[in-house]
Amino acid sequence: MGNKKRKAPKSEEPLSPPKKQGKAAILVLALAVILVAAVGIYYISRPSAGPARTSQASPAEYPRRETRPTLSPAMFTGEVAATYQVAQEIPEVLDQLYCYCKCRENFGHKSLLTCYVDRHAST
């Protein structure tokens, strides 16, 4: 029988090692994300270096236009009594507000507070 030449089996190529370039790209991306997050946290947490806010005068520092006292909330019931109570507690604030039902033009009111020195606010 003849001597057949046997071919040597093809040697399998060893598995190629994982690509180092892919791992490096992921590492660079992760570091960039961490850096951006750190810078963001730094800027959010630091004290504001913006212009100093000018202090506004408190309502008590403005001259009152309406000097008459408000009516007692005890004269009323329900929501009307509650509004007269608020007017009694913060007259300096209501004295700075314009009454949008045109009381100033129609009734000569000085401010929203004027509505509460008589029964006008209850109607």
N, C-alpha and C. Protein backbone atom coordinates (compact mmCIF):
# COMPACT_ATOMS: atom_id res chain seq x y z
N MET A 1 0.82 -1.12 0.00
CA MET A 1 0.00 0.00 0.00
C MET A 1 0.87 1.20 0.00
N GLY A 2 0.49 1.94 -0.45
CA GLY A 2 1.34 3.07 -0.64
C GLY A 2 1.47 3.92 0.62
N ASN A 3 2.57 4.49 0.61
CA ASN A 3 2.74 5.42 1.73
C ASN A 3 2.06 6.74 1.37
N LYS A 4 1.03 6.93 2.07
CA LYS A 4 0.35 8.21 1.84
C LYS A 4 0.96 9.21 2.81
N LYS A 5 1.16 10.29 2.25
CA LYS A 5 1.68 11.34 3.11
C LYS A 5 0.52 11.92 3.91
N ARG A 6 0.75 11.84 5.11
CA ARG A 6 -0.27 12.44 5.96
C ARG A 6 0.04 13.92 6.11
N LYS A 7 -1.02 14.62 5.97
CA LYS A 7 -0.85 16.05 6.17
C LYS A 7 -0.94 16.32 7.66
N ALA A 8 -0.08 17.14 8.07
CA ALA A 8 -0.12 17.50 9.49
C ALA A 8 -1.41 18.28 9.74
N PRO A 9 -2.07 17.95 10.83
CA PRO A 9 -3.31 18.69 11.11
C PRO A 9 -3.01 20.18 11.26
N LYS A 10 -3.95 20.92 10.75
CA LYS A 10 -3.77 22.38 10.86
C LYS A 10 -3.83 22.74 12.33
N SER A 11 -2.82 23.41 12.71
CA SER A 11 -2.84 23.82 14.11
C SER A 11 -3.82 24.99 14.25
N GLU A 12 -4.61 24.88 15.27
CA GLU A 12 -5.57 25.96 15.48
C GLU A 12 -4.82 27.16 16.02
N GLU A 13 -5.22 28.28 15.50
CA GLU A 13 -4.57 29.50 15.95
C GLU A 13 -5.05 29.78 17.37
N PRO A 14 -4.16 30.15 18.23
CA PRO A 14 -4.58 30.44 19.59
C PRO A 14 -5.57 31.61 19.58
N LEU A 15 -6.47 31.61 20.56
CA LEU A 15 -7.44 32.69 20.65
C LEU A 15 -6.69 34.00 20.86
N SER A 16 -7.17 35.00 20.15
CA SER A 16 -6.49 36.28 20.28
C SER A 16 -6.86 36.90 21.62
N PRO A 17 -5.92 37.54 22.24
CA PRO A 17 -6.21 38.18 23.52
C PRO A 17 -7.24 39.29 23.31
N PRO A 18 -8.00 39.65 24.38
CA PRO A 18 -9.00 40.71 24.24
C PRO A 18 -8.34 41.98 23.75
N LYS A 19 -9.09 42.71 23.01
CA LYS A 19 -8.52 43.93 22.44
C LYS A 19 -8.28 44.93 23.56
N LYS A 20 -7.07 45.36 23.63
CA LYS A 20 -6.69 46.32 24.66
C LYS A 20 -7.23 47.71 24.32
N GLN A 21 -7.43 47.96 23.05
CA GLN A 21 -7.91 49.27 22.65
C GLN A 21 -9.33 49.50 23.16
N GLY A 22 -10.18 48.51 23.12
CA GLY A 22 -11.56 48.64 23.59
C GLY A 22 -11.61 48.92 25.08
N LYS A 23 -10.78 48.23 25.84
CA LYS A 23 -10.74 48.45 27.28
C LYS A 23 -10.23 49.84 27.60
N ALA A 24 -9.25 50.29 26.85
CA ALA A 24 -8.70 51.63 27.08
C ALA A 24 -9.74 52.70 26.78
N ALA A 25 -10.52 52.50 25.75
CA ALA A 25 -11.55 53.48 25.39
C ALA A 25 -12.62 53.55 26.48
N ILE A 26 -13.01 52.41 27.01
CA ILE A 26 -14.00 52.39 28.08
C ILE A 26 -13.44 53.07 29.33
N LEU A 27 -12.19 52.82 29.63
CA LEU A 27 -11.55 53.44 30.79
C LEU A 27 -11.49 54.96 30.64
N VAL A 28 -11.12 55.43 29.47
CA VAL A 28 -11.05 56.88 29.21
C VAL A 28 -12.44 57.50 29.33
N LEU A 29 -13.45 56.83 28.79
CA LEU A 29 -14.82 57.34 28.87
C LEU A 29 -15.29 57.40 30.32
N ALA A 30 -15.00 56.37 31.10
CA ALA A 30 -15.40 56.35 32.51
C ALA A 30 -14.72 57.47 33.28
N LEU A 31 -13.44 57.68 33.02
CA LEU A 31 -12.72 58.76 33.70
C LEU A 31 -13.28 60.13 33.32
N ALA A 32 -13.66 60.29 32.06
CA ALA A 32 -14.24 61.56 31.62
C ALA A 32 -15.57 61.82 32.33
N VAL A 33 -16.40 60.79 32.45
CA VAL A 33 -17.68 60.94 33.14
C VAL A 33 -17.46 61.30 34.60
N ILE A 34 -16.52 60.65 35.25
CA ILE A 34 -16.22 60.94 36.65
C ILE A 34 -15.71 62.38 36.80
N LEU A 35 -14.86 62.81 35.89
CA LEU A 35 -14.33 64.16 35.94
C LEU A 35 -15.44 65.20 35.77
N VAL A 36 -16.32 64.99 34.80
CA VAL A 36 -17.42 65.93 34.58
C VAL A 36 -18.33 65.97 35.80
N ALA A 37 -18.62 64.82 36.39
CA ALA A 37 -19.47 64.77 37.59
C ALA A 37 -18.81 65.51 38.75
N ALA A 38 -17.51 65.33 38.93
CA ALA A 38 -16.80 65.99 40.02
C ALA A 38 -16.81 67.51 39.85
N VAL A 39 -16.58 67.98 38.63
CA VAL A 39 -16.60 69.42 38.37
C VAL A 39 -18.00 69.98 38.61
N GLY A 40 -19.02 69.25 38.17
CA GLY A 40 -20.40 69.69 38.38
C GLY A 40 -20.74 69.79 39.86
N ILE A 41 -20.36 68.80 40.62
CA ILE A 41 -20.62 68.81 42.06
C ILE A 41 -19.88 69.97 42.72
N TYR A 42 -18.66 70.22 42.29
CA TYR A 42 -17.89 71.33 42.85
C TYR A 42 -18.61 72.67 42.62
N TYR A 43 -19.05 72.91 41.39
CA TYR A 43 -19.69 74.19 41.08
C TYR A 43 -21.05 74.33 41.75
N ILE A 44 -21.76 73.24 41.93
CA ILE A 44 -23.07 73.30 42.58
C ILE A 44 -22.91 73.56 44.08
N SER A 45 -21.90 72.96 44.69
CA SER A 45 -21.78 73.02 46.14
C SER A 45 -21.02 74.25 46.65
N ARG A 46 -20.33 74.94 45.82
CA ARG A 46 -19.56 76.09 46.31
C ARG A 46 -20.48 77.29 46.51
N PRO A 47 -20.10 78.19 47.41
CA PRO A 47 -20.93 79.38 47.64
C PRO A 47 -20.98 80.25 46.40
N SER A 48 -22.08 80.91 46.22
CA SER A 48 -22.26 81.76 45.05
C SER A 48 -21.32 82.95 45.12
N ALA A 49 -20.68 83.21 44.01
CA ALA A 49 -19.78 84.36 43.94
C ALA A 49 -20.42 85.47 43.12
N GLY A 50 -21.73 85.39 42.94
CA GLY A 50 -22.45 86.38 42.14
C GLY A 50 -22.53 87.71 42.85
N PRO A 51 -23.16 88.66 42.20
CA PRO A 51 -23.28 89.98 42.81
C PRO A 51 -24.09 89.91 44.10
N ALA A 52 -23.71 90.72 45.03
CA ALA A 52 -24.39 90.75 46.31
C ALA A 52 -25.81 91.27 46.12
N ARG A 53 -26.76 90.61 46.78
CA ARG A 53 -28.14 91.05 46.68
C ARG A 53 -28.33 92.30 47.53
N THR A 54 -29.04 93.23 46.97
CA THR A 54 -29.33 94.42 47.75
C THR A 54 -30.47 94.09 48.69
N SER A 55 -30.34 94.53 49.89
CA SER A 55 -31.39 94.21 50.86
C SER A 55 -32.57 95.14 50.62
N GLN A 56 -33.74 94.55 50.64
CA GLN A 56 -34.95 95.34 50.48
C GLN A 56 -35.49 95.70 51.85
N ALA A 57 -36.10 96.83 51.91
CA ALA A 57 -36.66 97.27 53.18
C ALA A 57 -37.84 96.38 53.54
N SER A 58 -37.98 96.10 54.80
CA SER A 58 -39.11 95.30 55.25
C SER A 58 -40.37 96.15 55.18
N PRO A 59 -41.54 95.51 55.10
CA PRO A 59 -42.78 96.28 55.02
C PRO A 59 -42.96 97.27 56.16
N ALA A 60 -42.41 96.96 57.32
CA ALA A 60 -42.57 97.85 58.47
C ALA A 60 -41.82 99.17 58.27
N GLU A 61 -40.85 99.22 57.35
CA GLU A 61 -40.06 100.42 57.14
C GLU A 61 -40.71 101.42 56.19
N TYR A 62 -41.77 101.02 55.50
CA TYR A 62 -42.46 101.93 54.60
C TYR A 62 -43.49 102.75 55.38
N PRO A 63 -43.68 104.00 55.00
CA PRO A 63 -44.70 104.78 55.70
C PRO A 63 -46.09 104.25 55.35
N ARG A 64 -46.93 104.13 56.34
CA ARG A 64 -48.29 103.64 56.12
C ARG A 64 -49.13 104.72 55.45
N ARG A 65 -49.91 104.32 54.47
CA ARG A 65 -50.83 105.25 53.82
C ARG A 65 -52.18 105.24 54.53
N GLU A 66 -52.62 104.05 54.93
CA GLU A 66 -53.89 103.90 55.66
C GLU A 66 -53.57 103.76 57.13
N THR A 67 -54.01 104.71 57.91
CA THR A 67 -53.67 104.69 59.34
C THR A 67 -54.83 104.27 60.23
N ARG A 68 -56.02 104.16 59.67
CA ARG A 68 -57.17 103.76 60.49
C ARG A 68 -57.08 102.27 60.81
N PRO A 69 -57.58 101.84 61.95
CA PRO A 69 -57.53 100.41 62.32
C PRO A 69 -58.54 99.61 61.51
N THR A 70 -58.24 98.33 61.32
CA THR A 70 -59.17 97.44 60.62
C THR A 70 -60.31 97.05 61.56
N LEU A 71 -61.41 96.61 60.97
CA LEU A 71 -62.53 96.15 61.78
C LEU A 71 -62.17 94.82 62.42
N SER A 72 -62.80 94.51 63.52
CA SER A 72 -62.53 93.27 64.25
C SER A 72 -63.07 92.07 63.47
N PRO A 73 -62.28 91.00 63.37
CA PRO A 73 -62.76 89.79 62.69
C PRO A 73 -63.96 89.17 63.40
N ALA A 74 -64.15 89.48 64.69
CA ALA A 74 -65.27 88.93 65.46
C ALA A 74 -66.62 89.42 64.93
N MET A 75 -66.61 90.48 64.15
CA MET A 75 -67.86 91.01 63.59
C MET A 75 -68.37 90.18 62.41
N PHE A 76 -67.53 89.23 61.95
CA PHE A 76 -67.86 88.48 60.74
C PHE A 76 -67.76 86.98 61.00
N THR A 77 -68.17 86.19 60.02
CA THR A 77 -68.09 84.72 60.14
C THR A 77 -67.41 84.15 58.90
N GLY A 78 -66.93 82.92 59.04
CA GLY A 78 -66.38 82.17 57.90
C GLY A 78 -65.16 82.80 57.27
N GLU A 79 -65.14 82.74 55.94
CA GLU A 79 -63.99 83.25 55.18
C GLU A 79 -63.82 84.75 55.35
N VAL A 80 -64.91 85.46 55.49
CA VAL A 80 -64.82 86.92 55.66
C VAL A 80 -64.10 87.24 56.96
N ALA A 81 -64.42 86.51 58.02
CA ALA A 81 -63.73 86.72 59.30
C ALA A 81 -62.25 86.41 59.16
N ALA A 82 -61.93 85.37 58.40
CA ALA A 82 -60.52 85.00 58.20
C ALA A 82 -59.77 86.10 57.46
N THR A 83 -60.40 86.72 56.46
CA THR A 83 -59.71 87.78 55.72
C THR A 83 -59.51 89.02 56.59
N TYR A 84 -60.48 89.34 57.42
CA TYR A 84 -60.30 90.48 58.33
C TYR A 84 -59.23 90.16 59.38
N GLN A 85 -59.10 88.90 59.75
CA GLN A 85 -58.05 88.49 60.69
C GLN A 85 -56.67 88.71 60.06
N VAL A 86 -56.54 88.32 58.80
CA VAL A 86 -55.27 88.52 58.09
C VAL A 86 -54.96 90.00 57.99
N ALA A 87 -55.96 90.79 57.66
CA ALA A 87 -55.75 92.24 57.55
C ALA A 87 -55.30 92.83 58.88
N GLN A 88 -55.81 92.28 59.97
CA GLN A 88 -55.42 92.77 61.30
C GLN A 88 -53.99 92.35 61.65
N GLU A 89 -53.57 91.18 61.15
CA GLU A 89 -52.23 90.65 61.46
C GLU A 89 -51.13 91.28 60.63
N ILE A 90 -51.40 91.59 59.37
CA ILE A 90 -50.34 92.13 58.49
C ILE A 90 -50.80 93.40 57.76
N PRO A 91 -51.18 94.42 58.49
CA PRO A 91 -51.66 95.63 57.82
C PRO A 91 -50.59 96.31 56.97
N GLU A 92 -49.32 96.21 57.41
CA GLU A 92 -48.25 96.86 56.65
C GLU A 92 -48.07 96.25 55.26
N VAL A 93 -48.41 94.98 55.11
CA VAL A 93 -48.32 94.34 53.79
C VAL A 93 -49.49 94.78 52.92
N LEU A 94 -50.70 94.70 53.45
CA LEU A 94 -51.89 95.07 52.68
C LEU A 94 -51.87 96.55 52.30
N ASP A 95 -51.22 97.37 53.11
CA ASP A 95 -51.15 98.79 52.81
C ASP A 95 -50.27 99.07 51.59
N GLN A 96 -49.44 98.13 51.20
CA GLN A 96 -48.58 98.30 50.03
C GLN A 96 -49.20 97.75 48.75
N LEU A 97 -50.32 97.04 48.88
CA LEU A 97 -50.92 96.39 47.72
C LEU A 97 -52.03 97.24 47.10
N TYR A 98 -52.05 97.22 45.79
CA TYR A 98 -53.09 97.93 45.05
C TYR A 98 -54.34 97.07 45.04
N CYS A 99 -55.49 97.67 45.23
CA CYS A 99 -56.76 96.95 45.20
C CYS A 99 -57.23 96.89 43.75
N TYR A 100 -57.28 95.69 43.19
CA TYR A 100 -57.61 95.53 41.77
C TYR A 100 -59.10 95.63 41.46
N CYS A 101 -59.93 95.85 42.45
CA CYS A 101 -61.36 96.05 42.13
C CYS A 101 -61.63 97.55 42.00
N LYS A 102 -60.59 98.31 41.74
CA LYS A 102 -60.68 99.74 41.44
C LYS A 102 -61.26 100.58 42.58
N CYS A 103 -61.02 100.15 43.81
CA CYS A 103 -61.51 100.91 44.97
C CYS A 103 -60.87 102.29 45.03
N ARG A 104 -59.63 102.37 44.59
CA ARG A 104 -58.94 103.65 44.65
C ARG A 104 -59.65 104.67 43.75
N GLU A 105 -60.00 104.24 42.55
CA GLU A 105 -60.65 105.14 41.61
C GLU A 105 -62.12 105.39 41.97
N ASN A 106 -62.80 104.34 42.42
CA ASN A 106 -64.24 104.46 42.67
C ASN A 106 -64.60 104.93 44.07
N PHE A 107 -63.78 104.59 45.06
CA PHE A 107 -64.12 104.92 46.44
C PHE A 107 -63.06 105.75 47.14
N GLY A 108 -61.99 106.09 46.46
CA GLY A 108 -60.94 106.91 47.07
C GLY A 108 -60.08 106.16 48.07
N HIS A 109 -60.01 104.83 47.95
CA HIS A 109 -59.18 104.06 48.87
C HIS A 109 -57.70 104.34 48.63
N LYS A 110 -56.93 104.27 49.70
CA LYS A 110 -55.49 104.51 49.62
C LYS A 110 -54.74 103.25 49.21
N SER A 111 -55.24 102.07 49.64
CA SER A 111 -54.59 100.79 49.35
C SER A 111 -55.59 99.68 49.61
N LEU A 112 -55.16 98.45 49.49
CA LEU A 112 -56.02 97.31 49.78
C LEU A 112 -56.44 97.30 51.25
N LEU A 113 -55.59 97.80 52.11
CA LEU A 113 -55.92 97.84 53.54
C LEU A 113 -57.16 98.68 53.82
N THR A 114 -57.39 99.71 53.02
CA THR A 114 -58.55 100.58 53.23
C THR A 114 -59.86 99.79 53.14
N CYS A 115 -59.89 98.72 52.36
CA CYS A 115 -61.10 97.89 52.24
C CYS A 115 -61.47 97.27 53.58
N TYR A 116 -60.51 97.13 54.48
CA TYR A 116 -60.73 96.43 55.75
C TYR A 116 -60.98 97.36 56.93
N VAL A 117 -61.00 98.67 56.70
CA VAL A 117 -61.29 99.59 57.80
C VAL A 117 -62.79 99.85 57.90
N ASP A 118 -63.54 99.33 56.94
CA ASP A 118 -65.00 99.38 57.00
C ASP A 118 -65.53 98.04 56.47
N ARG A 119 -66.78 97.95 56.20
CA ARG A 119 -67.39 96.68 55.76
C ARG A 119 -67.19 96.43 54.26
N HIS A 120 -66.46 97.27 53.59
CA HIS A 120 -66.29 97.14 52.14
C HIS A 120 -65.73 95.76 51.74
N ALA A 121 -64.79 95.23 52.48
CA ALA A 121 -64.17 93.95 52.11
C ALA A 121 -65.11 92.77 52.32
N SER A 122 -66.18 92.96 53.05
CA SER A 122 -67.10 91.85 53.31
C SER A 122 -68.13 91.70 52.21
N THR A 123 -68.17 92.62 51.27
CA THR A 123 -69.17 92.54 50.20
C THR A 123 -68.62 91.94 48.95
